[in-house]
Amino acid sequence: RIIYDTHGANIYINICTTKIFIEKVKMTISYQEEIKFISNKIRELRKEKQMTVQELAYRCDMERSNMSRIESGRTNLTVKTMCIICNALNVNLRDIIR
């Protein structure tokens, strides 16, 4: 029997529900850790460059509130957004990822 969860986009198969759930939890934790690492690195580089959140946001052509969400890890980052931020910080993309 297959159960679909439309809110979380999870698919559970009764026979191996536990295994699927555990795999999803592992992936979610890893994903969240990576987002937090990148967010912290962006904040660290911004401070090294002695920029305010407002200034970095301006250089990236985005709202200060969006940049704050990025630095706090409360939003998903696209590669495009990461490249824009790196350009504004005058660093390479590899400088913000592991």
PDB file of N, CA and C in Angstrom:
ATOM      1  N   ARG A   1       0.840  -1.183   0.000  1.00  0.00           N
ATOM      2  CA  ARG A   1       0.000   0.000   0.000  1.00  0.00           C
ATOM      3  C   ARG A   1       0.879   1.239   0.000  1.00  0.00           C
ATOM      4  N   ILE A   2       0.564   2.199  -0.832  1.00  0.00           N
ATOM      5  CA  ILE A   2       1.331   3.436  -0.935  1.00  0.00           C
ATOM      6  C   ILE A   2       0.503   4.579  -0.370  1.00  0.00           C
ATOM      7  N   ILE A   3       1.130   5.396   0.461  1.00  0.00           N
ATOM      8  CA  ILE A   3       0.465   6.557   1.060  1.00  0.00           C
ATOM      9  C   ILE A   3       1.193   7.804   0.577  1.00  0.00           C
ATOM     10  N   TYR A   4       0.447   8.751   0.037  1.00  0.00           N
ATOM     11  CA  TYR A   4       1.032  10.001  -0.433  1.00  0.00           C
ATOM     12  C   TYR A   4       0.733  11.115   0.555  1.00  0.00           C
ATOM     13  N   ASP A   5       1.752  11.866   0.906  1.00  0.00           N
ATOM     14  CA  ASP A   5       1.610  13.034   1.780  1.00  0.00           C
ATOM     15  C   ASP A   5       1.813  14.262   0.908  1.00  0.00           C
ATOM     16  N   THR A   6       0.730  14.947   0.565  1.00  0.00           N
ATOM     17  CA  THR A   6       0.831  16.076  -0.358  1.00  0.00           C
ATOM     18  C   THR A   6       1.479  17.296   0.261  1.00  0.00           C
ATOM     19  N   HIS A   7       1.485  17.410   1.569  1.00  0.00           N
ATOM     20  CA  HIS A   7       2.086  18.582   2.213  1.00  0.00           C
ATOM     21  C   HIS A   7       3.605  18.498   2.230  1.00  0.00           C
ATOM     22  N   GLY A   8       4.148  17.350   2.528  1.00  0.00           N
ATOM     23  CA  GLY A   8       5.592  17.214   2.652  1.00  0.00           C
ATOM     24  C   GLY A   8       6.236  16.531   1.456  1.00  0.00           C
ATOM     25  N   ALA A   9       5.453  16.189   0.454  1.00  0.00           N
ATOM     26  CA  ALA A   9       5.931  15.494  -0.740  1.00  0.00           C
ATOM     27  C   ALA A   9       6.630  14.181  -0.375  1.00  0.00           C
ATOM     28  N   ASN A  10       6.121  13.515   0.642  1.00  0.00           N
ATOM     29  CA  ASN A  10       6.675  12.225   1.057  1.00  0.00           C
ATOM     30  C   ASN A  10       5.838  11.104   0.466  1.00  0.00           C
ATOM     31  N   ILE A  11       6.482  10.021   0.131  1.00  0.00           N
ATOM     32  CA  ILE A  11       5.780   8.819  -0.303  1.00  0.00           C
ATOM     33  C   ILE A  11       6.215   7.710   0.642  1.00  0.00           C
ATOM     34  N   TYR A  12       5.251   7.102   1.290  1.00  0.00           N
ATOM     35  CA  TYR A  12       5.547   6.028   2.232  1.00  0.00           C
ATOM     36  C   TYR A  12       5.009   4.716   1.675  1.00  0.00           C
ATOM     37  N   ILE A  13       5.817   3.700   1.680  1.00  0.00           N
ATOM     38  CA  ILE A  13       5.388   2.368   1.295  1.00  0.00           C
ATOM     39  C   ILE A  13       5.330   1.563   2.585  1.00  0.00           C
ATOM     40  N   ASN A  14       4.159   0.991   2.862  1.00  0.00           N
ATOM     41  CA  ASN A  14       3.914   0.335   4.147  1.00  0.00           C
ATOM     42  C   ASN A  14       5.002  -0.645   4.569  1.00  0.00           C
ATOM     43  N   ILE A  15       5.496  -1.457   3.677  1.00  0.00           N
ATOM     44  CA  ILE A  15       6.448  -2.495   4.049  1.00  0.00           C
ATOM     45  C   ILE A  15       7.765  -1.892   4.536  1.00  0.00           C
ATOM     46  N   CYS A  16       8.198  -0.822   3.923  1.00  0.00           N
ATOM     47  CA  CYS A  16       9.499  -0.258   4.309  1.00  0.00           C
ATOM     48  C   CYS A  16       9.377   1.218   4.691  1.00  0.00           C
ATOM     49  N   THR A  17       8.301   1.566   5.352  1.00  0.00           N
ATOM     50  CA  THR A  17       8.073   2.947   5.778  1.00  0.00           C
ATOM     51  C   THR A  17       9.216   3.464   6.635  1.00  0.00           C
ATOM     52  N   THR A  18       9.667   2.672   7.574  1.00  0.00           N
ATOM     53  CA  THR A  18      10.717   3.111   8.489  1.00  0.00           C
ATOM     54  C   THR A  18      11.987   3.460   7.733  1.00  0.00           C
ATOM     55  N   LYS A  19      12.385   2.607   6.804  1.00  0.00           N
ATOM     56  CA  LYS A  19      13.612   2.845   6.046  1.00  0.00           C
ATOM     57  C   LYS A  19      13.496   4.131   5.227  1.00  0.00           C
ATOM     58  N   ILE A  20      12.398   4.330   4.534  1.00  0.00           N
ATOM     59  CA  ILE A  20      12.214   5.528   3.715  1.00  0.00           C
ATOM     60  C   ILE A  20      12.233   6.768   4.592  1.00  0.00           C
ATOM     61  N   PHE A  21      11.548   6.723   5.719  1.00  0.00           N
ATOM     62  CA  PHE A  21      11.509   7.878   6.616  1.00  0.00           C
ATOM     63  C   PHE A  21      12.908   8.204   7.132  1.00  0.00           C
ATOM     64  N   ILE A  22      13.659   7.194   7.519  1.00  0.00           N
ATOM     65  CA  ILE A  22      15.019   7.411   8.022  1.00  0.00           C
ATOM     66  C   ILE A  22      15.895   8.034   6.945  1.00  0.00           C
ATOM     67  N   GLU A  23      15.793   7.559   5.708  1.00  0.00           N
ATOM     68  CA  GLU A  23      16.584   8.122   4.614  1.00  0.00           C
ATOM     69  C   GLU A  23      16.235   9.590   4.408  1.00  0.00           C
ATOM     70  N   LYS A  24      14.949   9.931   4.474  1.00  0.00           N
ATOM     71  CA  LYS A  24      14.523  11.317   4.288  1.00  0.00           C
ATOM     72  C   LYS A  24      15.069  12.196   5.407  1.00  0.00           C
ATOM     73  N   VAL A  25      15.032  11.717   6.634  1.00  0.00           N
ATOM     74  CA  VAL A  25      15.548  12.486   7.767  1.00  0.00           C
ATOM     75  C   VAL A  25      17.038  12.730   7.596  1.00  0.00           C
ATOM     76  N   LYS A  26      17.795  11.709   7.195  1.00  0.00           N
ATOM     77  CA  LYS A  26      19.235  11.870   6.984  1.00  0.00           C
ATOM     78  C   LYS A  26      19.502  12.927   5.923  1.00  0.00           C
ATOM     79  N   MET A  27      18.750  12.871   4.815  1.00  0.00           N
ATOM     80  CA  MET A  27      18.937  13.817   3.737  1.00  0.00           C
ATOM     81  C   MET A  27      18.595  15.228   4.207  1.00  0.00           C
ATOM     82  N   THR A  28      17.513  15.381   4.959  1.00  0.00           N
ATOM     83  CA  THR A  28      17.087  16.689   5.435  1.00  0.00           C
ATOM     84  C   THR A  28      18.127  17.293   6.367  1.00  0.00           C
ATOM     85  N   ILE A  29      18.653  16.513   7.280  1.00  0.00           N
ATOM     86  CA  ILE A  29      19.658  17.018   8.211  1.00  0.00           C
ATOM     87  C   ILE A  29      20.896  17.460   7.444  1.00  0.00           C
ATOM     88  N   SER A  30      21.354  16.647   6.518  1.00  0.00           N
ATOM     89  CA  SER A  30      22.537  16.976   5.733  1.00  0.00           C
ATOM     90  C   SER A  30      22.306  18.253   4.929  1.00  0.00           C
ATOM     91  N   TYR A  31      21.154  18.367   4.303  1.00  0.00           N
ATOM     92  CA  TYR A  31      20.811  19.539   3.503  1.00  0.00           C
ATOM     93  C   TYR A  31      20.790  20.789   4.378  1.00  0.00           C
ATOM     94  N   GLN A  32      20.177  20.703   5.529  1.00  0.00           N
ATOM     95  CA  GLN A  32      20.101  21.851   6.433  1.00  0.00           C
ATOM     96  C   GLN A  32      21.480  22.250   6.939  1.00  0.00           C
ATOM     97  N   GLU A  33      22.331  21.268   7.191  1.00  0.00           N
ATOM     98  CA  GLU A  33      23.700  21.563   7.635  1.00  0.00           C
ATOM     99  C   GLU A  33      24.469  22.312   6.553  1.00  0.00           C
ATOM    100  N   GLU A  34      24.290  21.919   5.302  1.00  0.00           N
ATOM    101  CA  GLU A  34      24.981  22.588   4.195  1.00  0.00           C
ATOM    102  C   GLU A  34      24.495  24.021   4.033  1.00  0.00           C
ATOM    103  N   ILE A  35      23.184  24.220   4.117  1.00  0.00           N
ATOM    104  CA  ILE A  35      22.627  25.576   4.013  1.00  0.00           C
ATOM    105  C   ILE A  35      23.191  26.445   5.128  1.00  0.00           C
ATOM    106  N   LYS A  36      23.244  25.915   6.332  1.00  0.00           N
ATOM    107  CA  LYS A  36      23.767  26.677   7.475  1.00  0.00           C
ATOM    108  C   LYS A  36      25.246  27.012   7.270  1.00  0.00           C
ATOM    109  N   PHE A  37      26.016  26.059   6.765  1.00  0.00           N
ATOM    110  CA  PHE A  37      27.433  26.300   6.509  1.00  0.00           C
ATOM    111  C   PHE A  37      27.611  27.436   5.500  1.00  0.00           C
ATOM    112  N   ILE A  38      26.885  27.374   4.386  1.00  0.00           N
ATOM    113  CA  ILE A  38      26.992  28.405   3.346  1.00  0.00           C
ATOM    114  C   ILE A  38      26.543  29.752   3.889  1.00  0.00           C
ATOM    115  N   SER A  39      25.452  29.778   4.613  1.00  0.00           N
ATOM    116  CA  SER A  39      24.939  31.025   5.198  1.00  0.00           C
ATOM    117  C   SER A  39      25.959  31.655   6.135  1.00  0.00           C
ATOM    118  N   ASN A  40      26.544  30.837   6.993  1.00  0.00           N
ATOM    119  CA  ASN A  40      27.565  31.338   7.922  1.00  0.00           C
ATOM    120  C   ASN A  40      28.788  31.855   7.181  1.00  0.00           C
ATOM    121  N   LYS A  41      29.163  31.173   6.116  1.00  0.00           N
ATOM    122  CA  LYS A  41      30.329  31.586   5.336  1.00  0.00           C
ATOM    123  C   LYS A  41      30.071  32.933   4.658  1.00  0.00           C
ATOM    124  N   ILE A  42      28.869  33.123   4.139  1.00  0.00           N
ATOM    125  CA  ILE A  42      28.517  34.407   3.519  1.00  0.00           C
ATOM    126  C   ILE A  42      28.613  35.522   4.556  1.00  0.00           C
ATOM    127  N   ARG A  43      28.053  35.295   5.738  1.00  0.00           N
ATOM    128  CA  ARG A  43      28.112  36.297   6.805  1.00  0.00           C
ATOM    129  C   ARG A  43      29.567  36.600   7.187  1.00  0.00           C
ATOM    130  N   GLU A  44      30.352  35.544   7.345  1.00  0.00           N
ATOM    131  CA  GLU A  44      31.759  35.696   7.722  1.00  0.00           C
ATOM    132  C   GLU A  44      32.530  36.526   6.675  1.00  0.00           C
ATOM    133  N   LEU A  45      32.329  36.220   5.401  1.00  0.00           N
ATOM    134  CA  LEU A  45      33.018  36.958   4.337  1.00  0.00           C
ATOM    135  C   LEU A  45      32.555  38.413   4.272  1.00  0.00           C
ATOM    136  N   ARG A  46      31.262  38.623   4.480  1.00  0.00           N
ATOM    137  CA  ARG A  46      30.731  39.998   4.483  1.00  0.00           C
ATOM    138  C   ARG A  46      31.396  40.813   5.586  1.00  0.00           C
ATOM    139  N   LYS A  47      31.505  40.228   6.763  1.00  0.00           N
ATOM    140  CA  LYS A  47      32.128  40.932   7.889  1.00  0.00           C
ATOM    141  C   LYS A  47      33.617  41.173   7.639  1.00  0.00           C
ATOM    142  N   GLU A  48      34.290  40.196   7.030  1.00  0.00           N
ATOM    143  CA  GLU A  48      35.706  40.380   6.681  1.00  0.00           C
ATOM    144  C   GLU A  48      35.893  41.570   5.742  1.00  0.00           C
ATOM    145  N   LYS A  49      34.912  41.754   4.849  1.00  0.00           N
ATOM    146  CA  LYS A  49      34.967  42.867   3.888  1.00  0.00           C
ATOM    147  C   LYS A  49      34.433  44.161   4.505  1.00  0.00           C
ATOM    148  N   GLN A  50      34.072  44.090   5.780  1.00  0.00           N
ATOM    149  CA  GLN A  50      33.542  45.237   6.532  1.00  0.00           C
ATOM    150  C   GLN A  50      32.332  45.867   5.838  1.00  0.00           C
ATOM    151  N   MET A  51      31.413  44.993   5.425  1.00  0.00           N
ATOM    152  CA  MET A  51      30.167  45.425   4.791  1.00  0.00           C
ATOM    153  C   MET A  51      29.007  45.183   5.734  1.00  0.00           C
ATOM    154  N   THR A  52      28.012  46.029   5.643  1.00  0.00           N
ATOM    155  CA  THR A  52      26.773  45.799   6.375  1.00  0.00           C
ATOM    156  C   THR A  52      25.889  44.879   5.541  1.00  0.00           C
ATOM    157  N   VAL A  53      24.872  44.327   6.175  1.00  0.00           N
ATOM    158  CA  VAL A  53      23.897  43.511   5.445  1.00  0.00           C
ATOM    159  C   VAL A  53      23.245  44.368   4.365  1.00  0.00           C
ATOM    160  N   GLN A  54      22.924  45.610   4.712  1.00  0.00           N
ATOM    161  CA  GLN A  54      22.298  46.529   3.764  1.00  0.00           C
ATOM    162  C   GLN A  54      23.191  46.750   2.538  1.00  0.00           C
ATOM    163  N   GLU A  55      24.476  46.947   2.768  1.00  0.00           N
ATOM    164  CA  GLU A  55      25.398  47.195   1.656  1.00  0.00           C
ATOM    165  C   GLU A  55      25.524  45.977   0.746  1.00  0.00           C
ATOM    166  N   LEU A  56      25.650  44.797   1.340  1.00  0.00           N
ATOM    167  CA  LEU A  56      25.738  43.586   0.522  1.00  0.00           C
ATOM    168  C   LEU A  56      24.448  43.375  -0.258  1.00  0.00           C
ATOM    169  N   ALA A  57      23.329  43.593   0.393  1.00  0.00           N
ATOM    170  CA  ALA A  57      22.040  43.455  -0.291  1.00  0.00           C
ATOM    171  C   ALA A  57      21.958  44.416  -1.473  1.00  0.00           C
ATOM    172  N   TYR A  58      22.397  45.648  -1.272  1.00  0.00           N
ATOM    173  CA  TYR A  58      22.382  46.649  -2.341  1.00  0.00           C
ATOM    174  C   TYR A  58      23.248  46.192  -3.516  1.00  0.00           C
ATOM    175  N   ARG A  59      24.436  45.689  -3.213  1.00  0.00           N
ATOM    176  CA  ARG A  59      25.347  45.224  -4.265  1.00  0.00           C
ATOM    177  C   ARG A  59      24.788  44.021  -5.018  1.00  0.00           C
ATOM    178  N   CYS A  60      23.909  43.275  -4.353  1.00  0.00           N
ATOM    179  CA  CYS A  60      23.286  42.098  -4.976  1.00  0.00           C
ATOM    180  C   CYS A  60      21.932  42.423  -5.594  1.00  0.00           C
ATOM    181  N   ASP A  61      21.514  43.674  -5.486  1.00  0.00           N
ATOM    182  CA  ASP A  61      20.216  44.124  -6.003  1.00  0.00           C
ATOM    183  C   ASP A  61      19.068  43.319  -5.390  1.00  0.00           C
ATOM    184  N   MET A  62      19.101  43.220  -4.065  1.00  0.00           N
ATOM    185  CA  MET A  62      18.011  42.548  -3.358  1.00  0.00           C
ATOM    186  C   MET A  62      17.680  43.314  -2.083  1.00  0.00           C
ATOM    187  N   GLU A  63      16.564  42.996  -1.497  1.00  0.00           N
ATOM    188  CA  GLU A  63      16.139  43.635  -0.254  1.00  0.00           C
ATOM    189  C   GLU A  63      17.025  43.179   0.907  1.00  0.00           C
ATOM    190  N   ARG A  64      17.218  44.069   1.870  1.00  0.00           N
ATOM    191  CA  ARG A  64      17.999  43.735   3.059  1.00  0.00           C
ATOM    192  C   ARG A  64      17.400  42.535   3.778  1.00  0.00           C
ATOM    193  N   SER A  65      16.070  42.478   3.842  1.00  0.00           N
ATOM    194  CA  SER A  65      15.404  41.365   4.533  1.00  0.00           C
ATOM    195  C   SER A  65      15.716  40.028   3.859  1.00  0.00           C
ATOM    196  N   ASN A  66      15.825  40.018   2.536  1.00  0.00           N
ATOM    197  CA  ASN A  66      16.194  38.781   1.832  1.00  0.00           C
ATOM    198  C   ASN A  66      17.614  38.354   2.183  1.00  0.00           C
ATOM    199  N   MET A  67      18.523  39.331   2.235  1.00  0.00           N
ATOM    200  CA  MET A  67      19.908  39.003   2.583  1.00  0.00           C
ATOM    201  C   MET A  67      19.988  38.489   4.023  1.00  0.00           C
ATOM    202  N   SER A  68      19.206  39.071   4.906  1.00  0.00           N
ATOM    203  CA  SER A  68      19.177  38.595   6.298  1.00  0.00           C
ATOM    204  C   SER A  68      18.697  37.153   6.372  1.00  0.00           C
ATOM    205  N   ARG A  69      17.672  36.817   5.579  1.00  0.00           N
ATOM    206  CA  ARG A  69      17.173  35.435   5.548  1.00  0.00           C
ATOM    207  C   ARG A  69      18.241  34.484   5.004  1.00  0.00           C
ATOM    208  N   ILE A  70      18.978  34.944   4.009  1.00  0.00           N
ATOM    209  CA  ILE A  70      20.053  34.116   3.447  1.00  0.00           C
ATOM    210  C   ILE A  70      21.118  33.861   4.503  1.00  0.00           C
ATOM    211  N   GLU A  71      21.559  34.922   5.174  1.00  0.00           N
ATOM    212  CA  GLU A  71      22.627  34.784   6.176  1.00  0.00           C
ATOM    213  C   GLU A  71      22.200  33.973   7.398  1.00  0.00           C
ATOM    214  N   SER A  72      20.917  33.936   7.665  1.00  0.00           N
ATOM    215  CA  SER A  72      20.451  33.165   8.820  1.00  0.00           C
ATOM    216  C   SER A  72      20.045  31.741   8.430  1.00  0.00           C
ATOM    217  N   GLY A  73      20.147  31.415   7.145  1.00  0.00           N
ATOM    218  CA  GLY A  73      19.830  30.067   6.688  1.00  0.00           C
ATOM    219  C   GLY A  73      18.351  29.777   6.612  1.00  0.00           C
ATOM    220  N   ARG A  74      17.527  30.818   6.544  1.00  0.00           N
ATOM    221  CA  ARG A  74      16.072  30.632   6.521  1.00  0.00           C
ATOM    222  C   ARG A  74      15.502  30.607   5.113  1.00  0.00           C
ATOM    223  N   THR A  75      16.343  30.521   4.109  1.00  0.00           N
ATOM    224  CA  THR A  75      15.857  30.457   2.735  1.00  0.00           C
ATOM    225  C   THR A  75      16.781  29.570   1.918  1.00  0.00           C
ATOM    226  N   ASN A  76      16.248  28.990   0.881  1.00  0.00           N
ATOM    227  CA  ASN A  76      17.065  28.172  -0.012  1.00  0.00           C
ATOM    228  C   ASN A  76      17.812  29.072  -0.980  1.00  0.00           C
ATOM    229  N   LEU A  77      19.016  28.704  -1.288  1.00  0.00           N
ATOM    230  CA  LEU A  77      19.835  29.474  -2.212  1.00  0.00           C
ATOM    231  C   LEU A  77      19.934  28.758  -3.548  1.00  0.00           C
ATOM    232  N   THR A  78      19.783  29.513  -4.616  1.00  0.00           N
ATOM    233  CA  THR A  78      20.045  28.957  -5.935  1.00  0.00           C
ATOM    234  C   THR A  78      21.511  29.199  -6.257  1.00  0.00           C
ATOM    235  N   VAL A  79      22.020  28.494  -7.226  1.00  0.00           N
ATOM    236  CA  VAL A  79      23.395  28.712  -7.663  1.00  0.00           C
ATOM    237  C   VAL A  79      23.528  30.138  -8.184  1.00  0.00           C
ATOM    238  N   LYS A  80      22.511  30.612  -8.882  1.00  0.00           N
ATOM    239  CA  LYS A  80      22.534  31.978  -9.409  1.00  0.00           C
ATOM    240  C   LYS A  80      22.688  32.993  -8.274  1.00  0.00           C
ATOM    241  N   THR A  81      21.905  32.846  -7.216  1.00  0.00           N
ATOM    242  CA  THR A  81      21.985  33.770  -6.079  1.00  0.00           C
ATOM    243  C   THR A  81      23.352  33.685  -5.415  1.00  0.00           C
ATOM    244  N   MET A  82      23.874  32.471  -5.256  1.00  0.00           N
ATOM    245  CA  MET A  82      25.202  32.332  -4.662  1.00  0.00           C
ATOM    246  C   MET A  82      26.259  33.024  -5.522  1.00  0.00           C
ATOM    247  N   CYS A  83      26.142  32.923  -6.845  1.00  0.00           N
ATOM    248  CA  CYS A  83      27.096  33.585  -7.743  1.00  0.00           C
ATOM    249  C   CYS A  83      26.992  35.101  -7.639  1.00  0.00           C
ATOM    250  N   ILE A  84      25.784  35.622  -7.525  1.00  0.00           N
ATOM    251  CA  ILE A  84      25.586  37.067  -7.372  1.00  0.00           C
ATOM    252  C   ILE A  84      26.234  37.545  -6.077  1.00  0.00           C
ATOM    253  N   ILE A  85      26.013  36.806  -4.999  1.00  0.00           N
ATOM    254  CA  ILE A  85      26.597  37.170  -3.700  1.00  0.00           C
ATOM    255  C   ILE A  85      28.118  37.098  -3.765  1.00  0.00           C
ATOM    256  N   CYS A  86      28.642  36.046  -4.362  1.00  0.00           N
ATOM    257  CA  CYS A  86      30.099  35.910  -4.481  1.00  0.00           C
ATOM    258  C   CYS A  86      30.690  37.054  -5.290  1.00  0.00           C
ATOM    259  N   ASN A  87      30.020  37.440  -6.353  1.00  0.00           N
ATOM    260  CA  ASN A  87      30.482  38.561  -7.163  1.00  0.00           C
ATOM    261  C   ASN A  87      30.514  39.843  -6.330  1.00  0.00           C
ATOM    262  N   ALA A  88      29.473  40.070  -5.547  1.00  0.00           N
ATOM    263  CA  ALA A  88      29.404  41.270  -4.700  1.00  0.00           C
ATOM    264  C   ALA A  88      30.485  41.258  -3.618  1.00  0.00           C
ATOM    265  N   LEU A  89      30.853  40.069  -3.158  1.00  0.00           N
ATOM    266  CA  LEU A  89      31.896  39.935  -2.133  1.00  0.00           C
ATOM    267  C   LEU A  89      33.302  39.823  -2.741  1.00  0.00           C
ATOM    268  N   ASN A  90      33.335  39.730  -4.071  1.00  0.00           N
ATOM    269  CA  ASN A  90      34.599  39.574  -4.795  1.00  0.00           C
ATOM    270  C   ASN A  90      35.344  38.304  -4.364  1.00  0.00           C
ATOM    271  N   VAL A  91      34.586  37.204  -4.294  1.00  0.00           N
ATOM    272  CA  VAL A  91      35.151  35.891  -3.974  1.00  0.00           C
ATOM    273  C   VAL A  91      34.643  34.886  -4.999  1.00  0.00           C
ATOM    274  N   ASN A  92      35.226  33.704  -5.013  1.00  0.00           N
ATOM    275  CA  ASN A  92      34.778  32.629  -5.896  1.00  0.00           C
ATOM    276  C   ASN A  92      33.700  31.801  -5.205  1.00  0.00           C
ATOM    277  N   LEU A  93      32.889  31.139  -6.003  1.00  0.00           N
ATOM    278  CA  LEU A  93      31.839  30.277  -5.455  1.00  0.00           C
ATOM    279  C   LEU A  93      32.438  29.216  -4.533  1.00  0.00           C
ATOM    280  N   ARG A  94      33.578  28.692  -4.885  1.00  0.00           N
ATOM    281  CA  ARG A  94      34.203  27.651  -4.047  1.00  0.00           C
ATOM    282  C   ARG A  94      34.580  28.173  -2.660  1.00  0.00           C
ATOM    283  N   ASP A  95      34.646  29.500  -2.500  1.00  0.00           N
ATOM    284  CA  ASP A  95      34.977  30.078  -1.195  1.00  0.00           C
ATOM    285  C   ASP A  95      33.825  29.990  -0.192  1.00  0.00           C
ATOM    286  N   ILE A  96      32.598  29.746  -0.683  1.00  0.00           N
ATOM    287  CA  ILE A  96      31.464  29.676   0.247  1.00  0.00           C
ATOM    288  C   ILE A  96      30.903  28.272   0.406  1.00  0.00           C
ATOM    289  N   ILE A  97      31.407  27.336  -0.396  1.00  0.00           N
ATOM    290  CA  ILE A  97      30.939  25.957  -0.248  1.00  0.00           C
ATOM    291  C   ILE A  97      32.090  25.099   0.260  1.00  0.00           C
ATOM    292  N   ARG A  98      31.758  23.947   0.790  1.00  0.00           N
ATOM    293  CA  ARG A  98      32.789  23.064   1.366  1.00  0.00           C
ATOM    294  C   ARG A  98      33.665  22.479   0.292  1.00  0.00           C
TER     295      ARG A  98
END
